[in-house]
């Protein structure tokens, strides 16, 4: 059998599997259901979308696009259970504010308001809580958002993990702005705003469970200003922040939503040596490791150079790069041109190599 025939058979099997109605096969929740990969996607589609199906929910974007009395709003919510709570470059508090602000920003919105819910375990040190809250206040002030409502609950000792945080954000959406990964089309450029994988590797090393050391800090940061700079360039079709499941998950979402292929050049993906080295030792791919201060953008190919210049002119985007292009087929598939000259499919993550990183 020829190599081309074998590849066609593999792609056909993948496509048949994707056409099946999502079904959760496990009887109980596993860590993989929170990793951002296939198990997460199946859980969301088979349980939550199936129960709450509506036109505002089903795009499954970073934020819902709402209209209230003629005002267009974006709304998002996220929960944070990172372990450890404090890590080089940040803590659960600034992670929560930045993550929610970023979900609004990549949706094209101007972040405005936040809510915050704390679930605290009995015995959690008040001084640690003060540090977390102080970092949240600093982050909110830095991007000009106000925390306007919240809630606090306490669970019994041993029933939590110190502190969990939920944040909901609301932002203003310009009436003429229409972003969406479903609008990607052949010829578009795929841009990443900076080096990938730093947050996930930093948190993993901060746990102290591995005898590895690296001079790394989390990339957690607010992206509203960088997103606004990119949106000043024509031809921006979509943005997604590369959190759970990393860049590879975002690329698969793009390919499936727009029914296109995404072809990425491995050598073009910016990865710091420390991240690459740690990933090689652990047998994981940096493309699947979470970022908390990076986004992936789809830009009309005719404006790719202009978009890259706009990002690189900002301190947060100095290492931005065009990592690939959108193609017509095989539709719904991400292909990676490897550094060794081969090509492989970069599908959604199956397992959970880095639990509790956000």
Protein backbone atom coordinates (compact mmCIF):
# COMPACT_ATOMS: atom_id res chain seq x y z
CA UNK A 1 0.00 0.00 0.00
CA UNK A 2 1.37 3.42 -0.91
CA UNK A 3 2.27 6.01 1.72
CA UNK A 4 -0.32 8.43 0.26
CA UNK A 5 -3.05 5.78 0.53
CA UNK A 6 -2.10 5.06 4.14
CA UNK A 7 -2.27 8.77 5.04
CA UNK A 8 -5.67 9.07 3.35
CA UNK A 9 -6.96 6.12 5.37
CA UNK A 10 -5.73 7.65 8.63
CA UNK A 11 -7.37 11.01 7.83
CA UNK A 12 -10.62 9.27 6.91
CA UNK A 13 -10.68 7.37 10.22
CA UNK A 14 -10.06 10.60 12.12
CA UNK A 15 -12.88 12.32 10.25
CA UNK A 16 -15.30 9.45 10.93
CA UNK A 17 -14.47 9.63 14.64
CA UNK A 18 -15.11 13.38 14.70
CA UNK A 19 -18.50 12.99 13.05
CA UNK A 20 -19.75 10.74 15.83
CA UNK A 21 -21.92 12.34 18.46
CA UNK A 22 -19.75 13.16 21.50
CA UNK A 23 -20.25 10.69 24.32
CA UNK A 24 -18.56 10.54 27.72
CA UNK A 25 -17.43 6.95 28.17
CA UNK A 26 -16.03 7.31 31.68
CA UNK A 27 -18.32 6.80 34.67
CA UNK A 28 -16.43 9.31 36.81
CA UNK A 29 -14.55 12.56 36.21
CA UNK A 30 -10.81 12.15 35.67
CA UNK A 31 -7.96 14.67 35.62
CA UNK A 32 -7.98 14.49 31.82
CA UNK A 33 -11.42 16.12 31.77
CA UNK A 34 -9.76 19.34 32.96
CA UNK A 35 -6.71 19.29 30.68
CA UNK A 36 -8.21 21.16 27.73
CA UNK A 37 -7.87 18.29 25.24
CA UNK A 38 -10.16 15.62 23.83
CA UNK A 39 -11.65 14.59 27.17
CA UNK A 40 -12.47 18.21 28.05
CA UNK A 41 -14.05 18.85 24.66
CA UNK A 42 -16.16 15.70 24.90
CA UNK A 43 -17.31 16.56 28.43
CA UNK A 44 -18.32 20.07 27.40
CA UNK A 45 -20.17 19.00 24.26
CA UNK A 46 -21.81 15.83 25.59
CA UNK A 47 -22.88 17.15 29.00
CA UNK A 48 -22.98 20.94 29.17
CA UNK A 49 -23.79 21.97 25.59
CA UNK A 50 -26.30 19.13 25.37
CA UNK A 51 -28.06 20.44 28.49
CA UNK A 52 -27.85 24.20 27.89
CA UNK A 53 -27.80 24.41 24.09
CA UNK A 54 -28.51 27.90 22.74
CA UNK A 55 -27.21 30.23 20.04
CA UNK A 56 -25.11 32.31 22.46
CA UNK A 57 -23.39 29.31 24.05
CA UNK A 58 -22.69 27.10 21.06
CA UNK A 59 -19.86 29.11 19.47
CA UNK A 60 -17.87 28.08 22.59
CA UNK A 61 -15.63 31.12 22.28
CA UNK A 62 -13.50 32.73 24.95
CA UNK A 63 -16.43 35.03 25.72
CA UNK A 64 -20.13 35.19 24.89
CA UNK A 65 -21.27 37.96 22.54
CA UNK A 66 -24.33 39.62 24.12
CA UNK A 67 -26.59 42.57 23.31
CA UNK A 68 -28.37 44.32 26.19
CA UNK A 69 -30.65 47.26 25.41
CA UNK A 70 -28.66 48.02 22.29
CA UNK A 71 -25.26 47.75 24.00
CA UNK A 72 -22.96 44.99 22.78
CA UNK A 73 -21.14 43.18 25.58
CA UNK A 74 -18.71 40.29 26.00
CA UNK A 75 -19.01 38.06 29.06
CA UNK A 76 -16.68 35.32 30.25
CA UNK A 77 -16.10 33.25 33.37
CA UNK A 78 -13.24 31.07 34.57
CA UNK A 79 -12.15 29.16 37.67
CA UNK A 80 -8.60 28.78 38.97
CA UNK A 81 -7.30 25.83 40.96
CA UNK A 82 -3.56 26.11 40.29
CA UNK A 83 -1.14 24.24 42.53
CA UNK A 84 1.00 25.68 44.05
CA UNK A 85 -0.89 28.88 44.73
CA UNK A 86 2.33 30.93 44.52
CA UNK A 87 4.85 30.33 41.73
CA UNK A 88 7.70 32.26 40.06
CA UNK A 89 6.17 35.23 38.26
CA UNK A 90 2.76 35.18 39.87
CA UNK A 91 0.09 33.54 42.00
CA UNK A 92 -3.50 32.38 41.74
CA UNK A 93 -4.76 35.95 42.19
CA UNK A 94 -3.05 37.67 39.26
CA UNK A 95 -3.61 34.51 37.21
CA UNK A 96 -7.37 34.87 37.77
CA UNK A 97 -7.54 38.54 36.84
CA UNK A 98 -5.21 38.26 33.86
CA UNK A 99 -6.91 35.15 32.55
CA UNK A 100 -10.36 36.70 32.61
CA UNK A 101 -9.20 40.02 31.17
CA UNK A 102 -7.46 38.09 28.39
CA UNK A 103 -10.58 36.11 27.50
CA UNK A 104 -12.36 39.42 26.95
CA UNK A 105 -9.45 41.00 25.07
CA UNK A 106 -9.02 38.17 22.56
CA UNK A 107 -12.76 38.36 21.89
CA UNK A 108 -12.15 41.94 20.76
CA UNK A 109 -13.74 43.52 23.84
CA UNK A 110 -12.58 46.35 26.08
CA UNK A 111 -12.47 44.82 29.61
CA UNK A 112 -14.51 46.77 32.13
CA UNK A 113 -15.84 44.82 35.14
CA UNK A 114 -15.00 41.72 37.15
CA UNK A 115 -16.70 39.60 39.76
CA UNK A 116 -14.77 37.29 42.06
CA UNK A 117 -15.72 34.23 44.07
CA UNK A 118 -13.39 32.67 46.66
CA UNK A 119 -13.67 29.11 47.97
CA UNK A 120 -11.39 28.94 51.00
CA UNK A 121 -10.39 25.92 53.02
CA UNK A 122 -10.65 26.08 56.79
CA UNK A 123 -7.18 26.83 58.15
CA UNK A 124 -5.96 28.80 55.12
CA UNK A 125 -3.56 31.57 56.29
CA UNK A 126 -5.09 35.05 56.23
CA UNK A 127 -1.73 36.52 55.22
CA UNK A 128 -1.68 34.35 52.09
CA UNK A 129 -5.18 35.53 51.28
CA UNK A 130 -4.07 39.14 51.66
CA UNK A 131 -1.19 38.54 49.22
CA UNK A 132 -3.54 37.02 46.67
CA UNK A 133 -6.07 39.84 46.98
CA UNK A 134 -3.35 42.50 46.76
CA UNK A 135 -2.03 41.02 43.51
CA UNK A 136 -5.57 40.92 42.11
CA UNK A 137 -6.06 44.59 42.96
CA UNK A 138 -2.77 45.55 41.30
CA UNK A 139 -3.60 43.63 38.14
CA UNK A 140 -7.11 45.08 37.93
CA UNK A 141 -5.82 48.62 38.39
CA UNK A 142 -3.14 48.09 35.75
CA UNK A 143 -5.70 47.29 33.05
CA UNK A 144 -8.41 49.69 34.26
CA UNK A 145 -11.04 47.15 35.30
CA UNK A 146 -13.11 47.32 38.47
CA UNK A 147 -14.00 44.38 40.71
CA UNK A 148 -17.64 45.16 41.46
CA UNK A 149 -19.12 42.10 43.17
CA UNK A 150 -18.07 38.80 44.68
CA UNK A 151 -18.71 35.93 47.05
CA UNK A 152 -16.81 33.94 49.68
CA UNK A 153 -17.39 30.38 50.86
CA UNK A 154 -15.42 28.27 53.35
CA UNK A 155 -15.17 24.49 53.14
CA UNK A 156 -13.97 22.14 55.85
CA UNK A 157 -10.33 21.35 56.46
CA UNK A 158 -9.20 18.74 53.94
CA UNK A 159 -12.13 19.45 51.59
CA UNK A 160 -10.29 21.90 49.33
CA UNK A 161 -6.76 22.90 48.43
CA UNK A 162 -6.36 26.14 50.32
CA UNK A 163 -7.93 28.57 47.89
CA UNK A 164 -9.89 28.37 44.63
CA UNK A 165 -10.89 31.48 42.71
CA UNK A 166 -13.65 32.08 40.16
CA UNK A 167 -13.79 35.29 38.14
CA UNK A 168 -16.36 36.59 35.68
CA UNK A 169 -15.63 39.48 33.36
CA UNK A 170 -17.72 41.87 31.29
CA UNK A 171 -16.36 44.05 28.52
CA UNK A 172 -17.64 46.38 25.82
CA UNK A 173 -17.63 45.12 22.23
CA UNK A 174 -17.47 47.63 19.36
CA UNK A 175 -20.54 47.24 17.18
CA UNK A 176 -18.48 46.89 14.00
CA UNK A 177 -16.11 44.21 15.32
CA UNK A 178 -16.71 40.61 14.23
CA UNK A 179 -14.05 38.10 15.25
CA UNK A 180 -14.35 34.33 15.15
CA UNK A 181 -12.19 31.32 14.44
CA UNK A 182 -14.87 30.06 12.03
CA UNK A 183 -13.86 32.90 9.65
CA UNK A 184 -10.35 31.50 8.99
CA UNK A 185 -9.76 30.83 5.30
CA UNK A 186 -6.98 29.40 3.11
CA UNK A 187 -4.08 31.80 2.77
CA UNK A 188 -4.46 33.29 6.25
CA UNK A 189 -1.43 33.52 8.51
CA UNK A 190 -1.23 31.97 11.98
CA UNK A 191 0.56 34.28 14.42
CA UNK A 192 1.62 33.60 18.00
CA UNK A 193 2.31 36.60 20.23
CA UNK A 194 5.41 35.23 21.97
CA UNK A 195 7.31 32.19 23.29
CA UNK A 196 5.03 29.34 24.31
CA UNK A 197 4.83 26.97 27.26
CA UNK A 198 6.42 29.10 29.97
CA UNK A 199 3.53 29.11 32.41
CA UNK A 200 2.91 25.37 32.38
CA UNK A 201 6.57 24.45 32.79
CA UNK A 202 7.12 27.07 35.51
CA UNK A 203 4.21 25.79 37.60
CA UNK A 204 5.25 22.19 37.12
CA UNK A 205 8.80 22.92 38.33
CA UNK A 206 7.50 25.02 41.24
CA UNK A 207 5.83 21.93 42.71
CA UNK A 208 9.26 20.57 43.54
CA UNK A 209 8.28 17.03 42.56
CA UNK A 210 10.95 16.85 39.85
CA UNK A 211 14.70 17.25 40.23
CA UNK A 212 14.81 19.92 37.54
CA UNK A 213 15.79 23.55 37.80
CA UNK A 214 15.32 26.29 35.23
CA UNK A 215 15.49 30.07 35.25
CA UNK A 216 11.84 30.49 34.29
CA UNK A 217 8.90 32.61 35.39
CA UNK A 218 5.28 32.33 34.35
CA UNK A 219 4.21 34.40 31.37
CA UNK A 220 0.99 35.45 33.13
CA UNK A 221 0.15 38.98 31.96
CA UNK A 222 -2.81 41.07 30.78
CA UNK A 223 -3.09 41.13 26.97
CA UNK A 224 -5.67 43.87 26.45
CA UNK A 225 -3.18 46.48 25.25
CA UNK A 226 -1.39 44.06 22.91
CA UNK A 227 -4.70 42.83 21.46
CA UNK A 228 -5.81 46.42 20.86
CA UNK A 229 -2.57 47.10 19.00
CA UNK A 230 -3.13 44.10 16.74
CA UNK A 231 -6.78 45.02 16.11
CA UNK A 232 -5.63 48.35 14.67
CA UNK A 233 -4.29 46.32 11.72
CA UNK A 234 -6.76 45.30 8.97
CA UNK A 235 -7.44 41.65 8.32
CA UNK A 236 -7.50 40.25 11.86
CA UNK A 237 -10.03 37.43 11.80
CA UNK A 238 -9.68 35.86 15.24
CA UNK A 239 -7.64 35.64 18.44
CA UNK A 240 -7.52 32.94 21.10
CA UNK A 241 -5.41 32.84 24.27
CA UNK A 242 -3.43 29.62 24.49
CA UNK A 243 -4.25 28.42 28.00
CA UNK A 244 -5.27 24.82 28.77
CA UNK A 245 -4.06 22.54 26.01
CA UNK A 246 -1.67 25.19 24.69
CA UNK A 247 -1.21 26.41 21.12
CA UNK A 248 -1.96 23.00 19.57
CA UNK A 249 -5.47 22.99 21.05
CA UNK A 250 -6.19 26.47 19.68
CA UNK A 251 -4.99 25.41 16.23
CA UNK A 252 -7.30 22.39 16.27
CA UNK A 253 -10.22 24.59 17.29
CA UNK A 254 -9.49 26.88 14.34
CA UNK A 255 -9.20 24.00 11.87
CA UNK A 256 -12.46 22.42 12.96
CA UNK A 257 -14.52 25.59 13.33
CA UNK A 258 -13.56 26.87 9.86
CA UNK A 259 -13.32 23.43 8.18
CA UNK A 260 -9.79 24.17 7.00
CA UNK A 261 -6.31 22.79 7.57
CA UNK A 262 -3.65 24.54 9.59
CA UNK A 263 -0.04 23.88 8.59
CA UNK A 264 2.57 24.87 11.19
CA UNK A 265 6.35 24.94 10.84
CA UNK A 266 7.87 23.57 14.03
CA UNK A 267 11.04 25.66 13.61
CA UNK A 268 8.96 28.85 13.47
CA UNK A 269 7.32 28.34 16.89
CA UNK A 270 9.12 30.47 19.52
CA UNK A 271 10.11 28.30 22.49
CA UNK A 272 12.69 29.27 25.10
CA UNK A 273 15.59 26.83 25.53
CA UNK A 274 14.66 26.21 29.17
CA UNK A 275 11.10 25.25 28.21
CA UNK A 276 12.24 23.07 25.34
CA UNK A 277 14.80 21.30 27.54
CA UNK A 278 12.31 20.59 30.32
CA UNK A 279 9.73 19.32 27.83
CA UNK A 280 12.26 17.02 26.17
CA UNK A 281 13.22 15.51 29.51
CA UNK A 282 9.58 14.93 30.39
CA UNK A 283 8.54 13.69 26.96
CA UNK A 284 5.93 16.40 26.33
CA UNK A 285 5.44 18.79 23.43
CA UNK A 286 5.69 22.56 24.16
CA UNK A 287 2.82 23.13 21.72
CA UNK A 288 0.47 21.50 24.25
CA UNK A 289 1.76 23.34 27.33
CA UNK A 290 -0.39 26.17 28.70
CA UNK A 291 0.49 29.84 28.37
CA UNK A 292 -1.16 32.61 30.40
CA UNK A 293 0.18 35.62 28.54
CA UNK A 294 0.21 34.54 24.89
CA UNK A 295 -2.40 34.38 22.17
CA UNK A 296 -2.80 32.89 18.73
CA UNK A 297 -4.20 35.10 15.97
CA UNK A 298 -5.57 34.38 12.50
CA UNK A 299 -4.72 37.21 10.10
CA UNK A 300 -5.43 37.70 6.42
CA UNK A 301 -2.19 36.66 4.72
CA UNK A 302 -1.98 39.98 2.89
CA UNK A 303 -1.61 41.77 6.25
CA UNK A 304 0.65 39.24 8.00
CA UNK A 305 3.77 41.43 7.90
CA UNK A 306 1.87 44.45 9.14
CA UNK A 307 0.33 42.44 11.97
CA UNK A 308 3.70 41.03 13.00
CA UNK A 309 5.27 44.50 13.01
CA UNK A 310 2.44 45.81 15.20
CA UNK A 311 2.97 43.04 17.75
CA UNK A 312 6.76 43.26 17.74
CA UNK A 313 6.56 47.00 18.35
CA UNK A 314 5.03 46.29 21.78
CA UNK A 315 7.15 44.93 24.67
CA UNK A 316 4.80 41.98 25.19
CA UNK A 317 4.95 41.03 21.52
CA UNK A 318 8.65 41.53 20.83
CA UNK A 319 9.09 37.81 20.06
CA UNK A 320 5.87 37.34 18.10
CA UNK A 321 6.14 35.09 15.06
CA UNK A 322 4.20 33.79 12.07
CA UNK A 323 4.20 30.04 12.71
CA UNK A 324 2.06 28.74 9.85
CA UNK A 325 -0.69 29.17 7.32
CA UNK A 326 -4.27 28.10 6.77
CA UNK A 327 -4.88 25.70 3.89
CA UNK A 328 -7.92 24.08 2.26
CA UNK A 329 -7.30 20.44 3.20
CA UNK A 330 -7.23 18.06 4.87
CA UNK A 331 -10.09 19.98 6.46
CA UNK A 332 -10.28 20.03 10.26
CA UNK A 333 -6.66 18.92 10.63
CA UNK A 334 -3.49 20.49 12.03
CA UNK A 335 -0.29 19.43 10.29
CA UNK A 336 3.15 20.06 11.77
CA UNK A 337 6.18 20.30 9.51
CA UNK A 338 8.81 18.93 11.87
CA UNK A 339 12.39 20.09 12.33
CA UNK A 340 13.51 16.74 10.86
CA UNK A 341 11.79 17.33 7.53
CA UNK A 342 8.73 15.17 8.12
CA UNK A 343 5.07 15.98 8.64
CA UNK A 344 2.77 14.75 11.38
CA UNK A 345 -0.76 15.40 12.60
CA UNK A 346 -0.95 17.53 15.76
CA UNK A 347 -4.30 16.39 17.14
CA UNK A 348 -6.01 17.34 20.39
CA UNK A 349 -4.31 16.26 23.60
CA UNK A 350 -5.56 12.92 24.93
CA UNK A 351 -4.10 12.72 28.44
CA UNK A 352 -3.19 15.22 31.15
CA UNK A 353 0.61 15.68 31.37
CA UNK A 354 0.45 18.88 33.46
CA UNK A 355 -2.45 18.87 35.93
CA UNK A 356 -3.52 21.89 37.99
CA UNK A 357 -1.62 24.59 36.10
CA UNK A 358 -4.40 27.17 36.02
